[in-house]
Protein backbone atom coordinates (compact mmCIF):
# COMPACT_ATOMS: atom_id res chain seq x y z
CA UNK A 1 -3.83 10.36 -19.54
CA UNK A 2 -0.54 10.04 -18.25
CA UNK A 3 1.16 6.82 -17.33
CA UNK A 4 0.63 7.76 -13.19
CA UNK A 5 -2.88 7.90 -14.09
CA UNK A 6 -3.47 4.69 -15.46
CA UNK A 7 -1.93 3.59 -12.61
CA UNK A 8 -4.35 4.90 -10.19
CA UNK A 9 -6.75 3.20 -12.13
CA UNK A 10 -5.46 -0.14 -11.71
CA UNK A 11 -4.74 0.37 -8.39
CA UNK A 12 -8.62 1.15 -8.42
CA UNK A 13 -9.78 -1.81 -9.71
CA UNK A 14 -7.32 -3.86 -7.70
CA UNK A 15 -8.80 -2.67 -4.35
CA UNK A 16 -12.04 -3.51 -6.00
CA UNK A 17 -11.59 -6.85 -7.43
CA UNK A 18 -9.05 -8.24 -5.16
CA UNK A 19 -9.72 -6.40 -1.87
CA UNK A 20 -13.13 -6.15 -2.00
CA UNK A 21 -12.94 -2.24 -1.24
CA UNK A 22 -14.31 0.48 -2.91
CA UNK A 23 -11.57 3.45 -2.81
CA UNK A 24 -11.30 6.97 -1.81
CA UNK A 25 -10.05 7.79 -5.19
CA UNK A 26 -8.56 11.55 -3.11
CA UNK A 27 -6.55 9.34 -0.91
CA UNK A 28 -5.03 6.87 -3.33
CA UNK A 29 -4.10 9.45 -5.44
CA UNK A 30 -1.99 11.07 -2.69
CA UNK A 31 -0.98 8.20 -1.53
CA UNK A 32 0.11 6.79 -5.36
CA UNK A 33 1.94 10.16 -5.66
CA UNK A 34 3.69 9.65 -2.29
CA UNK A 35 5.72 6.22 -3.38
CA UNK A 36 7.32 8.66 -6.16
CA UNK A 37 9.25 6.88 -8.79
CA UNK A 38 8.81 3.47 -7.16
CA UNK A 39 5.64 3.07 -8.92
CA UNK A 40 7.36 2.98 -12.69
CA UNK A 41 9.58 0.50 -11.98
CA UNK A 42 8.37 -3.59 -11.86
CA UNK A 43 10.16 -4.40 -9.10
CA UNK A 44 9.69 -1.69 -6.80
CA UNK A 45 6.32 -0.92 -7.71
CA UNK A 46 5.02 -3.99 -5.85
CA UNK A 47 5.95 -5.48 -2.42
CA UNK A 48 6.40 -9.80 -1.52
CA UNK A 49 4.38 -10.88 1.14
CA UNK A 50 6.76 -13.27 1.61
CA UNK A 51 9.96 -11.60 1.89
CA UNK A 52 11.10 -10.38 5.57
CA UNK A 53 13.40 -7.78 4.86
CA UNK A 54 10.77 -6.22 1.97
CA UNK A 55 8.10 -6.15 4.75
CA UNK A 56 10.43 -4.63 7.26
CA UNK A 57 11.13 -1.74 4.89
CA UNK A 58 7.11 -1.33 4.69
CA UNK A 59 7.45 -1.43 8.46
CA UNK A 60 10.37 0.93 9.34
CA UNK A 61 10.05 3.42 5.92
CA UNK A 62 6.14 3.77 5.80
CA UNK A 63 4.09 2.94 8.85
CA UNK A 64 7.09 4.46 11.25
CA UNK A 65 8.96 7.03 8.85
CA UNK A 66 5.49 8.10 6.83
CA UNK A 67 2.81 7.66 9.22
CA UNK A 68 4.81 8.73 12.05
CA UNK A 69 3.50 5.12 14.01
CA UNK A 70 5.40 3.09 16.85
CA UNK A 71 6.28 -0.38 17.68
CA UNK A 72 2.95 -0.37 20.19
CA UNK A 73 0.40 0.21 17.50
CA UNK A 74 0.83 -3.27 16.50
CA UNK A 75 2.16 -3.02 13.21
CA UNK A 76 2.88 -6.83 12.28
CA UNK A 77 -0.59 -7.35 13.03
CA UNK A 78 -1.85 -4.46 10.53
CA UNK A 79 0.74 -5.65 7.91
CA UNK A 80 -0.50 -9.47 7.87
CA UNK A 81 -4.02 -8.22 8.00
CA UNK A 82 -3.37 -6.35 4.69
CA UNK A 83 -1.26 -9.13 2.78
CA UNK A 84 -4.56 -11.10 4.10
CA UNK A 85 -7.33 -8.97 2.29
CA UNK A 86 -4.89 -8.34 -0.63
CA UNK A 87 -4.54 -12.13 -0.97
CA UNK A 88 -1.07 -14.01 -0.31
CA UNK A 89 -1.22 -15.86 -3.40
CA UNK A 90 -1.68 -12.46 -5.15
CA UNK A 91 1.82 -12.21 -6.90
CA UNK A 92 1.44 -8.62 -7.72
CA UNK A 93 0.60 -6.47 -4.86
CA UNK A 94 1.06 -3.34 -5.78
CA UNK A 95 2.90 -0.90 -3.14
CA UNK A 96 0.40 2.00 -3.56
CA UNK A 97 -2.32 -0.47 -2.84
CA UNK A 98 -0.66 -1.74 -0.16
CA UNK A 99 0.29 1.73 1.37
CA UNK A 100 -3.27 3.20 0.47
CA UNK A 101 -4.85 0.06 2.79
CA UNK A 102 -2.40 0.39 5.83
CA UNK A 103 -3.38 4.11 5.85
CA UNK A 104 -7.00 3.31 5.57
CA UNK A 105 -6.47 0.12 8.40
CA UNK A 106 -4.27 2.81 10.75
CA UNK A 107 -6.83 5.30 10.50
CA UNK A 108 -3.80 8.20 9.15
CA UNK A 109 -5.75 9.54 6.34
CA UNK A 110 -4.77 12.77 7.52
CA UNK A 111 -0.96 12.15 7.15
CA UNK A 112 -2.21 12.78 3.29
């Protein structure tokens, strides 16, 4: 099993245990691949829900540029809901898991 497959299993476990969500493994795999090499770096593999700059990056780079959403889609509310679902006190919010949950929240599975 390669490193990416190990991470996908870790992300699936986070979705089940911390988010109480049964993951679509095909979509999770595609989202993880879409994250590119950032999943292998300790700092870039996670998202800080307390960093406004980090959340702005998620909003602009992922929701607007990748998923094609606009500000009219209530992006901040979606991000806030996902951070709440993942658990604000949870220190390790994996980027791939957050992106997966946002993709599901905004019904943008077709982008993958």
